[in-house]
Amino acid sequence: LLVIDDSELILAAEEAVLTAAGFEVRT
């Protein structure tokens, strides 16, 4: 998953949740 958002805080939360769910994530 490639995730784009202008909020670093939201990106960090998304990365943590999605990585824990088994995705490979780049924010």
PDB file of all heavy atoms in Angstrom:
ATOM      1  N   LEU A   1       0.832  -1.194   0.000  1.00  0.00           N
ATOM      2  CA  LEU A   1       0.000   0.000   0.000  1.00  0.00           C
ATOM      3  C   LEU A   1       0.867   1.244   0.000  1.00  0.00           C
ATOM      4  O   LEU A   1       1.773   1.370   0.818  1.00  0.00           O
ATOM      5  CB  LEU A   1      -0.884   0.054   1.249  1.00  0.00           C
ATOM      6  CG  LEU A   1      -1.824  -1.107   1.520  1.00  0.00           C
ATOM      7  CD1 LEU A   1      -2.561  -0.878   2.834  1.00  0.00           C
ATOM      8  CD2 LEU A   1      -2.803  -1.282   0.370  1.00  0.00           C
ATOM      9  N   LEU A   2       0.557   2.158  -0.895  1.00  0.00           N
ATOM     10  CA  LEU A   2       1.189   3.481  -0.906  1.00  0.00           C
ATOM     11  C   LEU A   2       0.152   4.453  -0.365  1.00  0.00           C
ATOM     12  O   LEU A   2      -0.920   4.603  -0.943  1.00  0.00           O
ATOM     13  CB  LEU A   2       1.617   3.865  -2.316  1.00  0.00           C
ATOM     14  CG  LEU A   2       2.228   5.263  -2.497  1.00  0.00           C
ATOM     15  CD1 LEU A   2       3.420   5.480  -1.568  1.00  0.00           C
ATOM     16  CD2 LEU A   2       2.617   5.483  -3.945  1.00  0.00           C
ATOM     17  N   VAL A   3       0.468   5.074   0.761  1.00  0.00           N
ATOM     18  CA  VAL A   3      -0.472   5.956   1.452  1.00  0.00           C
ATOM     19  C   VAL A   3       0.056   7.385   1.399  1.00  0.00           C
ATOM     20  O   VAL A   3       1.192   7.640   1.791  1.00  0.00           O
ATOM     21  CB  VAL A   3      -0.666   5.521   2.924  1.00  0.00           C
ATOM     22  CG1 VAL A   3      -1.678   6.411   3.620  1.00  0.00           C
ATOM     23  CG2 VAL A   3      -1.078   4.060   3.012  1.00  0.00           C
ATOM     24  N   ILE A   4      -0.782   8.315   0.937  1.00  0.00           N
ATOM     25  CA  ILE A   4      -0.403   9.723   0.901  1.00  0.00           C
ATOM     26  C   ILE A   4      -1.401  10.545   1.705  1.00  0.00           C
ATOM     27  O   ILE A   4      -2.607  10.407   1.566  1.00  0.00           O
ATOM     28  CB  ILE A   4      -0.268  10.272  -0.541  1.00  0.00           C
ATOM     29  CG1 ILE A   4       0.173  11.738  -0.512  1.00  0.00           C
ATOM     30  CG2 ILE A   4      -1.530  10.051  -1.342  1.00  0.00           C
ATOM     31  CD1 ILE A   4       0.603  12.310  -1.851  1.00  0.00           C
ATOM     32  N   ASP A   5      -0.843  11.379   2.575  1.00  0.00           N
ATOM     33  CA  ASP A   5      -1.626  12.285   3.420  1.00  0.00           C
ATOM     34  C   ASP A   5      -0.687  13.420   3.810  1.00  0.00           C
ATOM     35  O   ASP A   5       0.506  13.204   3.954  1.00  0.00           O
ATOM     36  CB  ASP A   5      -2.130  11.550   4.665  1.00  0.00           C
ATOM     37  CG  ASP A   5      -3.283  12.257   5.345  1.00  0.00           C
ATOM     38  OD1 ASP A   5      -3.094  13.431   5.762  1.00  0.00           O
ATOM     39  OD2 ASP A   5      -4.362  11.660   5.479  1.00  0.00           O
ATOM     40  N   ASP A   6      -1.229  14.610   3.987  1.00  0.00           N
ATOM     41  CA  ASP A   6      -0.376  15.735   4.363  1.00  0.00           C
ATOM     42  C   ASP A   6      -0.106  15.794   5.857  1.00  0.00           C
ATOM     43  O   ASP A   6       0.739  16.560   6.303  1.00  0.00           O
ATOM     44  CB  ASP A   6      -0.977  17.062   3.879  1.00  0.00           C
ATOM     45  CG  ASP A   6      -2.343  17.325   4.458  1.00  0.00           C
ATOM     46  OD1 ASP A   6      -3.203  16.429   4.396  1.00  0.00           O
ATOM     47  OD2 ASP A   6      -2.572  18.433   4.967  1.00  0.00           O
ATOM     48  N   SER A   7      -0.764  14.976   6.656  1.00  0.00           N
ATOM     49  CA  SER A   7      -0.560  14.958   8.105  1.00  0.00           C
ATOM     50  C   SER A   7       0.385  13.827   8.499  1.00  0.00           C
ATOM     51  O   SER A   7       0.062  12.648   8.334  1.00  0.00           O
ATOM     52  CB  SER A   7      -1.900  14.778   8.823  1.00  0.00           C
ATOM     53  OG  SER A   7      -1.679  14.486  10.193  1.00  0.00           O
ATOM     54  N   GLU A   8       1.526  14.187   9.030  1.00  0.00           N
ATOM     55  CA  GLU A   8       2.501  13.192   9.487  1.00  0.00           C
ATOM     56  C   GLU A   8       1.926  12.339  10.614  1.00  0.00           C
ATOM     57  O   GLU A   8       2.204  11.141  10.712  1.00  0.00           O
ATOM     58  CB  GLU A   8       3.800  13.873   9.934  1.00  0.00           C
ATOM     59  CG  GLU A   8       4.564  14.560   8.821  1.00  0.00           C
ATOM     60  CD  GLU A   8       5.178  13.612   7.800  1.00  0.00           C
ATOM     61  OE1 GLU A   8       5.387  12.423   8.111  1.00  0.00           O
ATOM     62  OE2 GLU A   8       5.444  14.065   6.671  1.00  0.00           O
ATOM     63  N   LEU A   9       1.115  12.946  11.473  1.00  0.00           N
ATOM     64  CA  LEU A   9       0.499  12.224  12.585  1.00  0.00           C
ATOM     65  C   LEU A   9      -0.457  11.144  12.063  1.00  0.00           C
ATOM     66  O   LEU A   9      -0.423   9.990  12.510  1.00  0.00           O
ATOM     67  CB  LEU A   9      -0.246  13.200  13.499  1.00  0.00           C
ATOM     68  CG  LEU A   9      -0.881  12.620  14.745  1.00  0.00           C
ATOM     69  CD1 LEU A   9       0.167  11.992  15.652  1.00  0.00           C
ATOM     70  CD2 LEU A   9      -1.635  13.705  15.497  1.00  0.00           C
ATOM     71  N   ILE A  10      -1.281  11.504  11.120  1.00  0.00           N
ATOM     72  CA  ILE A  10      -2.210  10.527  10.532  1.00  0.00           C
ATOM     73  C   ILE A  10      -1.444   9.451   9.786  1.00  0.00           C
ATOM     74  O   ILE A  10      -1.776   8.263   9.870  1.00  0.00           O
ATOM     75  CB  ILE A  10      -3.246  11.232   9.637  1.00  0.00           C
ATOM     76  CG1 ILE A  10      -4.186  12.042  10.518  1.00  0.00           C
ATOM     77  CG2 ILE A  10      -3.995  10.250   8.757  1.00  0.00           C
ATOM     78  CD1 ILE A  10      -5.271  12.797   9.825  1.00  0.00           C
ATOM     79  N   LEU A  11      -0.420   9.829   9.055  1.00  0.00           N
ATOM     80  CA  LEU A  11       0.383   8.835   8.341  1.00  0.00           C
ATOM     81  C   LEU A  11       1.003   7.826   9.298  1.00  0.00           C
ATOM     82  O   LEU A  11       1.010   6.620   9.018  1.00  0.00           O
ATOM     83  CB  LEU A  11       1.491   9.514   7.528  1.00  0.00           C
ATOM     84  CG  LEU A  11       1.080  10.153   6.216  1.00  0.00           C
ATOM     85  CD1 LEU A  11       2.268  10.875   5.585  1.00  0.00           C
ATOM     86  CD2 LEU A  11       0.521   9.126   5.246  1.00  0.00           C
ATOM     87  N   ALA A  12       1.518   8.296  10.421  1.00  0.00           N
ATOM     88  CA  ALA A  12       2.130   7.396  11.403  1.00  0.00           C
ATOM     89  C   ALA A  12       1.095   6.418  11.953  1.00  0.00           C
ATOM     90  O   ALA A  12       1.379   5.218  12.095  1.00  0.00           O
ATOM     91  CB  ALA A  12       2.769   8.202  12.534  1.00  0.00           C
ATOM     92  N   ALA A  13      -0.092   6.908  12.245  1.00  0.00           N
ATOM     93  CA  ALA A  13      -1.159   6.040  12.759  1.00  0.00           C
ATOM     94  C   ALA A  13      -1.583   5.025  11.702  1.00  0.00           C
ATOM     95  O   ALA A  13      -1.752   3.834  11.997  1.00  0.00           O
ATOM     96  CB  ALA A  13      -2.345   6.886  13.210  1.00  0.00           C
ATOM     97  N   GLU A  14      -1.752   5.483  10.465  1.00  0.00           N
ATOM     98  CA  GLU A  14      -2.139   4.579   9.380  1.00  0.00           C
ATOM     99  C   GLU A  14      -1.078   3.512   9.148  1.00  0.00           C
ATOM    100  O   GLU A  14      -1.400   2.333   8.986  1.00  0.00           O
ATOM    101  CB  GLU A  14      -2.384   5.367   8.093  1.00  0.00           C
ATOM    102  CG  GLU A  14      -3.602   6.248   8.147  1.00  0.00           C
ATOM    103  CD  GLU A  14      -3.713   7.226   6.987  1.00  0.00           C
ATOM    104  OE1 GLU A  14      -2.743   7.411   6.229  1.00  0.00           O
ATOM    105  OE2 GLU A  14      -4.794   7.805   6.843  1.00  0.00           O
ATOM    106  N   GLU A  15       0.163   3.937   9.143  1.00  0.00           N
ATOM    107  CA  GLU A  15       1.253   2.979   8.930  1.00  0.00           C
ATOM    108  C   GLU A  15       1.267   1.914  10.022  1.00  0.00           C
ATOM    109  O   GLU A  15       1.400   0.721   9.746  1.00  0.00           O
ATOM    110  CB  GLU A  15       2.599   3.692   8.872  1.00  0.00           C
ATOM    111  CG  GLU A  15       3.755   2.745   8.598  1.00  0.00           C
ATOM    112  CD  GLU A  15       5.074   3.463   8.401  1.00  0.00           C
ATOM    113  OE1 GLU A  15       5.237   4.611   8.858  1.00  0.00           O
ATOM    114  OE2 GLU A  15       5.959   2.858   7.773  1.00  0.00           O
ATOM    115  N   ALA A  16       1.113   2.326  11.273  1.00  0.00           N
ATOM    116  CA  ALA A  16       1.124   1.379  12.389  1.00  0.00           C
ATOM    117  C   ALA A  16      -0.023   0.379  12.289  1.00  0.00           C
ATOM    118  O   ALA A  16       0.177  -0.838  12.421  1.00  0.00           O
ATOM    119  CB  ALA A  16       1.061   2.137  13.717  1.00  0.00           C
ATOM    120  N   VAL A  17      -1.225   0.873  12.034  1.00  0.00           N
ATOM    121  CA  VAL A  17      -2.405   0.006  11.967  1.00  0.00           C
ATOM    122  C   VAL A  17      -2.342  -0.932  10.771  1.00  0.00           C
ATOM    123  O   VAL A  17      -2.634  -2.129  10.882  1.00  0.00           O
ATOM    124  CB  VAL A  17      -3.693   0.868  11.929  1.00  0.00           C
ATOM    125  CG1 VAL A  17      -4.906   0.047  11.562  1.00  0.00           C
ATOM    126  CG2 VAL A  17      -3.911   1.552  13.255  1.00  0.00           C
ATOM    127  N   LEU A  18      -1.941  -0.407   9.621  1.00  0.00           N
ATOM    128  CA  LEU A  18      -1.909  -1.226   8.405  1.00  0.00           C
ATOM    129  C   LEU A  18      -0.766  -2.238   8.419  1.00  0.00           C
ATOM    130  O   LEU A  18      -0.934  -3.372   7.963  1.00  0.00           O
ATOM    131  CB  LEU A  18      -1.831  -0.328   7.171  1.00  0.00           C
ATOM    132  CG  LEU A  18      -3.074   0.530   6.935  1.00  0.00           C
ATOM    133  CD1 LEU A  18      -2.825   1.550   5.830  1.00  0.00           C
ATOM    134  CD2 LEU A  18      -4.290  -0.332   6.635  1.00  0.00           C
ATOM    135  N   THR A  19       0.372  -1.861   8.978  1.00  0.00           N
ATOM    136  CA  THR A  19       1.489  -2.794   9.102  1.00  0.00           C
ATOM    137  C   THR A  19       1.119  -3.932  10.048  1.00  0.00           C
ATOM    138  O   THR A  19       1.388  -5.103   9.760  1.00  0.00           O
ATOM    139  CB  THR A  19       2.758  -2.066   9.579  1.00  0.00           C
ATOM    140  OG1 THR A  19       3.098  -1.055   8.613  1.00  0.00           O
ATOM    141  CG2 THR A  19       3.930  -3.023   9.731  1.00  0.00           C
ATOM    142  N   ALA A  20       0.479  -3.581  11.167  1.00  0.00           N
ATOM    143  CA  ALA A  20       0.034  -4.607  12.117  1.00  0.00           C
ATOM    144  C   ALA A  20      -0.982  -5.553  11.488  1.00  0.00           C
ATOM    145  O   ALA A  20      -1.084  -6.718  11.879  1.00  0.00           O
ATOM    146  CB  ALA A  20      -0.558  -3.945  13.362  1.00  0.00           C
ATOM    147  N   ALA A  21      -1.717  -5.076  10.491  1.00  0.00           N
ATOM    148  CA  ALA A  21      -2.716  -5.896   9.801  1.00  0.00           C
ATOM    149  C   ALA A  21      -2.113  -6.724   8.668  1.00  0.00           C
ATOM    150  O   ALA A  21      -2.835  -7.402   7.947  1.00  0.00           O
ATOM    151  CB  ALA A  21      -3.835  -5.003   9.262  1.00  0.00           C
ATOM    152  N   GLY A  22      -0.788  -6.648   8.497  1.00  0.00           N
ATOM    153  CA  GLY A  22      -0.123  -7.500   7.525  1.00  0.00           C
ATOM    154  C   GLY A  22       0.208  -6.877   6.186  1.00  0.00           C
ATOM    155  O   GLY A  22       0.712  -7.551   5.289  1.00  0.00           O
ATOM    156  N   PHE A  23      -0.061  -5.591   6.026  1.00  0.00           N
ATOM    157  CA  PHE A  23       0.281  -4.911   4.778  1.00  0.00           C
ATOM    158  C   PHE A  23       1.735  -4.453   4.811  1.00  0.00           C
ATOM    159  O   PHE A  23       2.289  -4.185   5.867  1.00  0.00           O
ATOM    160  CB  PHE A  23      -0.596  -3.666   4.585  1.00  0.00           C
ATOM    161  CG  PHE A  23      -2.030  -3.957   4.279  1.00  0.00           C
ATOM    162  CD1 PHE A  23      -2.995  -3.858   5.269  1.00  0.00           C
ATOM    163  CD2 PHE A  23      -2.432  -4.326   3.003  1.00  0.00           C
ATOM    164  CE1 PHE A  23      -4.321  -4.110   4.997  1.00  0.00           C
ATOM    165  CE2 PHE A  23      -3.756  -4.586   2.723  1.00  0.00           C
ATOM    166  CZ  PHE A  23      -4.716  -4.479   3.720  1.00  0.00           C
ATOM    167  N   GLU A  24       2.330  -4.329   3.643  1.00  0.00           N
ATOM    168  CA  GLU A  24       3.609  -3.644   3.490  1.00  0.00           C
ATOM    169  C   GLU A  24       3.239  -2.216   3.100  1.00  0.00           C
ATOM    170  O   GLU A  24       2.545  -2.001   2.107  1.00  0.00           O
ATOM    171  CB  GLU A  24       4.452  -4.294   2.401  1.00  0.00           C
ATOM    172  CG  GLU A  24       5.832  -3.698   2.280  1.00  0.00           C
ATOM    173  CD  GLU A  24       6.689  -4.433   1.249  1.00  0.00           C
ATOM    174  OE1 GLU A  24       6.337  -5.549   0.827  1.00  0.00           O
ATOM    175  OE2 GLU A  24       7.711  -3.842   0.864  1.00  0.00           O
ATOM    176  N   VAL A  25       3.670  -1.249   3.899  1.00  0.00           N
ATOM    177  CA  VAL A  25       3.179   0.124   3.763  1.00  0.00           C
ATOM    178  C   VAL A  25       4.323   1.092   3.519  1.00  0.00           C
ATOM    179  O   VAL A  25       5.352   1.034   4.185  1.00  0.00           O
ATOM    180  CB  VAL A  25       2.412   0.559   5.034  1.00  0.00           C
ATOM    181  CG1 VAL A  25       1.873   1.969   4.892  1.00  0.00           C
ATOM    182  CG2 VAL A  25       1.293  -0.420   5.357  1.00  0.00           C
ATOM    183  N   ARG A  26       4.093   1.989   2.572  1.00  0.00           N
ATOM    184  CA  ARG A  26       4.959   3.164   2.393  1.00  0.00           C
ATOM    185  C   ARG A  26       4.067   4.382   2.536  1.00  0.00           C
ATOM    186  O   ARG A  26       3.008   4.452   1.906  1.00  0.00           O
ATOM    187  CB  ARG A  26       5.604   3.191   1.019  1.00  0.00           C
ATOM    188  CG  ARG A  26       6.716   2.202   0.896  1.00  0.00           C
ATOM    189  CD  ARG A  26       7.956   2.846   0.305  1.00  0.00           C
ATOM    190  NE  ARG A  26       8.976   1.811   0.205  1.00  0.00           N
ATOM    191  CZ  ARG A  26       9.763   1.624  -0.808  1.00  0.00           C
ATOM    192  NH1 ARG A  26       9.679   2.408  -1.856  1.00  0.00           N
ATOM    193  NH2 ARG A  26      10.652   0.662  -0.810  1.00  0.00           N
ATOM    194  N   THR A  27       4.508   5.308   3.362  1.00  0.00           N
ATOM    195  CA  THR A  27       3.750   6.537   3.539  1.00  0.00           C
ATOM    196  C   THR A  27       4.546   7.704   2.983  1.00  0.00           C
ATOM    197  O   THR A  27       5.773   7.741   3.083  1.00  0.00           O
ATOM    198  CB  THR A  27       3.427   6.793   5.024  1.00  0.00           C
ATOM    199  OG1 THR A  27       4.644   6.902   5.761  1.00  0.00           O
ATOM    200  CG2 THR A  27       2.558   5.684   5.602  1.00  0.00           C
TER     201      THR A  27
END
